[in-house]
Amino acid sequence: MVGRMPHLTNVEPARFFVLTYALSWLVWIPLDLAHFEIGLPAIPDGTSTLLRLLGVLMPAVAGMALSLRAGGRRELRSMLSRLRIWRVGIRWWVAAVVVQPLVLIGSGVLANLLAGRTVVPFVPFDSVATLVVTFVFLLLAVLGEEIGWHGVALPALQQRSTVLRASLTLGVLWAVWHIPFWLLLDSYAQYGIGYIGLNLLLIVPFSVYISWFFNNGRFSILLPVAFHLAFNAINTAPFPVTMDLGAFVILIAAEWALGLLVLPRLRDALSWTAGAPATI
């Protein structure tokens, strides 16, 4: 189907990215300095965890603030209303919340088979309380990201560019935004600088895949939220695929294959330059 991109936001994408980076990195960089004992005292783990979450919420803060500034309460309400769009067809719900968990679990199982041992273990939650706290934490973090990335940033980019260029731009900037956050994780201590490269290679095809179902799914922010939450909920504790290098590489290969699979279908997703016929 060839169509035109509906006008979803008046926010300038450059302003969104500058403000998001500034707000998040203002939180995370001091944490990095304290973590690596560079001029700042160590911060207790509990405080550090809460501050990390605060930084993760900044894409939503930037997106809402700029939406309010660009179009007033009407634009802000319109953007947030896309969190309530759930009638998008079962196909797009399957794409968002079934396919990715299968890819994630399949990558871990394959890594175990190839290694001839358990390199990606099943790690159950030790209590219901831990499960609930983890879910709430992940939900807040995912909302903090997706309200910004797919509520504002992707529509703003797509109104000025092709769907492919917008998706790749978002993927790279989304990944780079994470760098100060990733430096605080045990995974960075395990892999070193290569961990940042692995995540960059993971997020870019993620972005293409999300654009495919997001645009076909009535621009519902709820779909990327569900996608992101399903992935993180599995990878955080029950089946931590990205904690093993071999499994991580398999996952990245699978995500690139999936991204390339949907790439020709991006033409079907409504539009891709403001006021111009769809192209990629």
Protein backbone atom coordinates (compact mmCIF):
# COMPACT_ATOMS: atom_id res chain seq x y z
CA MET A 1 0.00 0.00 0.00
CA VAL A 2 1.32 3.44 -0.89
CA GLY A 3 0.19 6.28 1.27
CA ARG A 4 1.29 9.38 3.06
CA MET A 5 2.69 9.84 6.50
CA PRO A 6 0.06 11.30 8.85
CA HIS A 7 1.25 14.33 10.77
CA LEU A 8 1.72 12.97 14.28
CA THR A 9 3.99 15.53 15.89
CA ASN A 10 5.26 19.10 15.55
CA VAL A 11 8.43 18.34 17.50
CA GLU A 12 11.74 18.91 15.74
CA PRO A 13 13.70 15.64 16.00
CA ALA A 14 17.03 17.40 16.61
CA ARG A 15 15.56 19.20 19.63
CA PHE A 16 14.22 15.93 20.97
CA PHE A 17 17.57 14.14 20.74
CA VAL A 18 19.57 17.05 22.18
CA LEU A 19 17.22 17.42 25.15
CA THR A 20 16.99 13.67 25.78
CA TYR A 21 20.75 13.20 25.72
CA ALA A 22 21.29 16.23 27.95
CA LEU A 23 18.74 15.16 30.59
CA SER A 24 19.77 11.49 30.69
CA TRP A 25 23.51 12.03 30.54
CA LEU A 26 23.29 14.70 33.23
CA VAL A 27 22.14 11.86 35.49
CA TRP A 28 24.28 9.01 34.18
CA ILE A 29 27.69 10.60 33.66
CA PRO A 30 28.11 11.54 37.35
CA LEU A 31 27.12 7.94 38.16
CA ASP A 32 29.82 6.72 35.77
CA LEU A 33 32.41 8.97 37.39
CA ALA A 34 31.46 7.67 40.83
CA HIS A 35 31.35 4.07 39.59
CA PHE A 36 34.88 4.29 38.20
CA GLU A 37 36.05 6.42 41.15
CA ILE A 38 36.94 9.41 39.01
CA GLY A 39 36.67 12.47 41.22
CA LEU A 40 33.40 11.49 42.91
CA PRO A 41 32.70 9.27 45.93
CA ALA A 42 31.02 5.91 45.45
CA ILE A 43 27.21 5.93 45.38
CA PRO A 44 25.29 3.19 47.25
CA ASP A 45 23.79 0.54 44.98
CA GLY A 46 20.19 1.36 45.88
CA THR A 47 20.63 5.05 45.14
CA SER A 48 22.51 4.29 41.93
CA THR A 49 19.71 1.99 40.72
CA LEU A 50 17.06 4.67 41.29
CA LEU A 51 19.16 7.30 39.53
CA ARG A 52 19.71 4.96 36.58
CA LEU A 53 15.94 4.63 36.28
CA LEU A 54 15.58 8.41 36.46
CA GLY A 55 17.86 8.73 33.44
CA VAL A 56 15.85 6.12 31.54
CA LEU A 57 12.69 8.20 32.01
CA MET A 58 14.15 11.23 30.26
CA PRO A 59 13.08 10.36 26.67
CA ALA A 60 9.46 10.48 27.89
CA VAL A 61 10.09 13.71 29.78
CA ALA A 62 11.70 15.32 26.73
CA GLY A 63 9.01 14.03 24.39
CA MET A 64 6.15 15.28 26.55
CA ALA A 65 7.77 18.65 27.26
CA LEU A 66 8.52 19.30 23.60
CA SER A 67 5.07 18.11 22.50
CA LEU A 68 3.51 20.54 24.95
CA ARG A 69 5.74 23.34 23.71
CA ALA A 70 5.17 22.59 20.03
CA GLY A 71 1.43 22.02 20.03
CA GLY A 72 0.09 22.67 23.51
CA ARG A 73 -2.04 20.30 25.55
CA ARG A 74 -3.85 19.09 22.46
CA GLU A 75 -0.68 17.66 20.91
CA LEU A 76 0.45 16.19 24.23
CA ARG A 77 -2.91 14.45 24.72
CA SER A 78 -2.88 13.22 21.13
CA MET A 79 0.56 11.70 21.52
CA LEU A 80 -0.23 10.03 24.84
CA SER A 81 -3.55 8.74 23.48
CA ARG A 82 -1.56 6.44 21.20
CA LEU A 83 -0.64 4.48 24.33
CA ARG A 84 -4.28 3.34 24.40
CA ILE A 85 -4.44 2.05 20.84
CA TRP A 86 -4.71 -1.72 21.17
CA ARG A 87 -7.10 -2.70 18.36
CA VAL A 88 -4.43 -3.14 15.72
CA GLY A 89 -5.04 -6.73 14.59
CA ILE A 90 -3.67 -9.95 16.00
CA ARG A 91 -0.89 -10.05 13.40
CA TRP A 92 0.82 -7.00 14.84
CA TRP A 93 0.45 -8.20 18.42
CA VAL A 94 2.11 -11.47 17.41
CA ALA A 95 4.91 -9.51 15.73
CA ALA A 96 5.41 -7.41 18.84
CA VAL A 97 5.09 -9.84 21.75
CA VAL A 98 5.43 -13.38 20.39
CA VAL A 99 8.11 -13.34 17.70
CA GLN A 100 10.81 -11.60 19.75
CA PRO A 101 10.55 -13.82 22.85
CA LEU A 102 10.78 -16.85 20.54
CA VAL A 103 13.88 -15.41 18.86
CA LEU A 104 15.42 -14.62 22.24
CA ILE A 105 14.72 -18.03 23.75
CA GLY A 106 15.71 -19.80 20.55
CA SER A 107 19.08 -18.01 20.54
CA GLY A 108 19.76 -19.11 24.10
CA VAL A 109 18.73 -22.71 23.48
CA LEU A 110 20.89 -22.86 20.34
CA ALA A 111 23.85 -21.46 22.25
CA ASN A 112 23.42 -24.17 24.91
CA LEU A 113 23.25 -26.88 22.23
CA LEU A 114 26.31 -25.60 20.37
CA ALA A 115 28.31 -25.29 23.60
CA GLY A 116 27.28 -28.75 24.79
CA ARG A 117 26.53 -27.26 28.19
CA THR A 118 24.32 -24.68 29.82
CA VAL A 119 25.77 -21.28 28.99
CA VAL A 120 22.38 -19.55 29.26
CA PRO A 121 20.70 -20.89 32.41
CA PHE A 122 17.08 -20.57 33.43
CA VAL A 123 17.10 -18.26 36.46
CA PRO A 124 13.70 -18.20 38.21
CA PHE A 125 12.71 -15.28 40.40
CA ASP A 126 13.36 -16.09 44.04
CA SER A 127 10.03 -14.69 45.24
CA VAL A 128 6.77 -13.18 44.07
CA ALA A 129 7.86 -9.86 45.57
CA THR A 130 11.01 -9.85 43.44
CA LEU A 131 8.95 -10.65 40.36
CA VAL A 132 6.52 -7.79 41.05
CA VAL A 133 9.26 -5.24 41.80
CA THR A 134 11.18 -6.25 38.68
CA PHE A 135 8.08 -5.99 36.51
CA VAL A 136 7.18 -2.54 37.85
CA PHE A 137 10.76 -1.33 37.40
CA LEU A 138 10.90 -2.65 33.83
CA LEU A 139 7.48 -1.22 32.96
CA LEU A 140 8.47 2.26 34.15
CA ALA A 141 11.75 2.05 32.25
CA VAL A 142 10.07 0.89 29.05
CA LEU A 143 7.41 3.61 29.22
CA GLY A 144 10.17 6.15 29.84
CA GLU A 145 11.91 5.08 26.66
CA GLU A 146 9.07 4.31 24.28
CA ILE A 147 6.97 7.43 24.89
CA GLY A 148 10.02 9.30 23.66
CA TRP A 149 11.47 7.03 20.97
CA HIS A 150 8.26 5.93 19.28
CA GLY A 151 5.80 8.45 20.61
CA VAL A 152 7.82 11.40 19.31
CA ALA A 153 11.21 10.62 17.76
CA LEU A 154 10.30 8.08 15.06
CA PRO A 155 7.21 9.98 13.81
CA ALA A 156 9.23 13.21 13.76
CA LEU A 157 12.01 11.58 11.75
CA GLN A 158 9.60 9.87 9.35
CA GLN A 159 7.87 13.14 8.55
CA ARG A 160 11.20 14.40 7.23
CA SER A 161 12.84 11.29 5.83
CA THR A 162 12.31 7.81 4.42
CA VAL A 163 11.21 5.04 6.74
CA LEU A 164 14.52 3.21 6.38
CA ARG A 165 16.64 6.28 7.03
CA ALA A 166 14.45 7.26 9.97
CA SER A 167 14.65 3.76 11.46
CA LEU A 168 18.43 3.55 11.11
CA THR A 169 18.92 7.06 12.48
CA LEU A 170 16.77 6.27 15.47
CA GLY A 171 18.52 2.93 16.00
CA VAL A 172 21.99 4.48 16.08
CA LEU A 173 21.01 7.44 18.28
CA TRP A 174 18.99 5.17 20.57
CA ALA A 175 22.02 2.90 21.00
CA VAL A 176 24.51 5.74 21.56
CA TRP A 177 22.18 7.28 24.16
CA HIS A 178 22.57 4.09 26.23
CA ILE A 179 26.38 4.21 26.44
CA PRO A 180 26.73 5.94 29.86
CA PHE A 181 24.05 3.58 31.19
CA TRP A 182 25.78 0.47 29.85
CA LEU A 183 29.05 1.50 31.51
CA LEU A 184 27.34 0.97 34.87
CA LEU A 185 26.31 -2.63 34.18
CA ASP A 186 28.01 -5.88 35.16
CA SER A 187 27.85 -6.89 31.50
CA TYR A 188 30.22 -4.06 30.61
CA ALA A 189 32.65 -5.28 33.27
CA GLN A 190 32.36 -8.76 31.73
CA TYR A 191 32.74 -7.87 28.04
CA GLY A 192 34.55 -4.53 28.14
CA ILE A 193 34.15 -2.06 25.29
CA GLY A 194 32.90 -4.86 23.05
CA TYR A 195 29.64 -4.85 25.00
CA ILE A 196 28.80 -1.43 23.59
CA GLY A 197 29.46 -2.63 20.06
CA LEU A 198 27.31 -5.72 20.56
CA ASN A 199 24.39 -3.63 21.77
CA LEU A 200 24.75 -1.22 18.87
CA LEU A 201 24.55 -4.17 16.48
CA LEU A 202 21.45 -5.39 18.33
CA ILE A 203 19.48 -2.15 18.55
CA VAL A 204 19.80 -1.09 14.91
CA PRO A 205 17.87 -4.10 13.50
CA PHE A 206 15.51 -3.80 16.48
CA SER A 207 14.65 -0.31 15.27
CA VAL A 208 13.87 -1.49 11.73
CA TYR A 209 11.69 -4.32 13.03
CA ILE A 210 9.79 -2.06 15.42
CA SER A 211 9.18 0.50 12.66
CA TRP A 212 7.55 -2.22 10.58
CA PHE A 213 4.89 -3.20 13.10
CA PHE A 214 4.58 0.29 14.61
CA ASN A 215 3.64 1.90 11.31
CA ASN A 216 1.32 -0.93 10.35
CA GLY A 217 -0.19 -0.98 13.83
CA ARG A 218 -1.86 2.44 13.65
CA PHE A 219 1.22 4.12 15.19
CA SER A 220 0.30 2.60 18.55
CA ILE A 221 2.93 3.32 21.21
CA LEU A 222 1.52 0.37 23.13
CA LEU A 223 3.01 -2.08 20.60
CA PRO A 224 6.67 -0.97 21.08
CA VAL A 225 6.04 -0.86 24.85
CA ALA A 226 4.84 -4.47 24.79
CA PHE A 227 7.74 -5.50 22.54
CA HIS A 228 10.34 -3.85 24.75
CA LEU A 229 8.78 -5.14 27.97
CA ALA A 230 8.52 -8.73 26.70
CA PHE A 231 12.17 -8.74 25.61
CA ASN A 232 13.51 -7.21 28.83
CA ALA A 233 11.29 -9.31 31.08
CA ILE A 234 12.75 -12.51 29.66
CA ASN A 235 16.34 -11.36 29.25
CA THR A 236 16.62 -9.71 32.68
CA ALA A 237 16.26 -12.78 34.87
CA PRO A 238 14.48 -15.90 33.62
CA PHE A 239 16.70 -16.43 30.56
CA PRO A 240 19.59 -13.91 30.38
CA VAL A 241 20.72 -14.50 26.80
CA THR A 242 22.85 -11.37 26.51
CA MET A 243 24.98 -12.41 29.49
CA ASP A 244 26.75 -15.04 27.34
CA LEU A 245 28.91 -13.84 24.45
CA GLY A 246 28.09 -16.74 22.13
CA ALA A 247 24.35 -16.47 22.74
CA PHE A 248 24.53 -12.70 22.28
CA VAL A 249 26.19 -13.11 18.87
CA ILE A 250 23.57 -15.66 17.81
CA LEU A 251 20.83 -13.26 18.92
CA ILE A 252 22.35 -10.40 16.93
CA ALA A 253 22.56 -12.58 13.82
CA ALA A 254 18.91 -13.58 14.27
CA GLU A 255 17.84 -9.94 14.70
CA TRP A 256 19.64 -8.88 11.53
CA ALA A 257 17.98 -11.74 9.66
CA LEU A 258 14.60 -10.64 11.00
CA GLY A 259 15.27 -7.00 10.14
CA LEU A 260 16.27 -7.91 6.59
CA LEU A 261 13.16 -10.11 6.31
CA VAL A 262 10.80 -7.22 7.06
CA LEU A 263 12.82 -4.62 5.16
CA PRO A 264 10.99 -5.08 1.82
CA ARG A 265 7.69 -4.85 3.72
CA LEU A 266 8.47 -1.36 4.96
CA ARG A 267 6.99 -0.11 1.68
CA ASP A 268 3.62 -1.38 2.88
CA ALA A 269 3.59 0.69 6.02
CA LEU A 270 1.85 3.94 5.05
CA SER A 271 4.24 6.57 3.83
CA TRP A 272 7.55 7.86 4.06
CA THR A 273 8.21 11.38 3.34
CA ALA A 274 6.05 14.27 4.36
CA GLY A 275 3.69 14.90 1.48
CA ALA A 276 5.44 12.47 -0.89
CA PRO A 277 4.77 8.92 -2.09
CA ALA A 278 6.14 6.05 -0.05
CA THR A 279 9.70 4.98 -0.75
CA ILE A 280 12.52 3.37 1.14
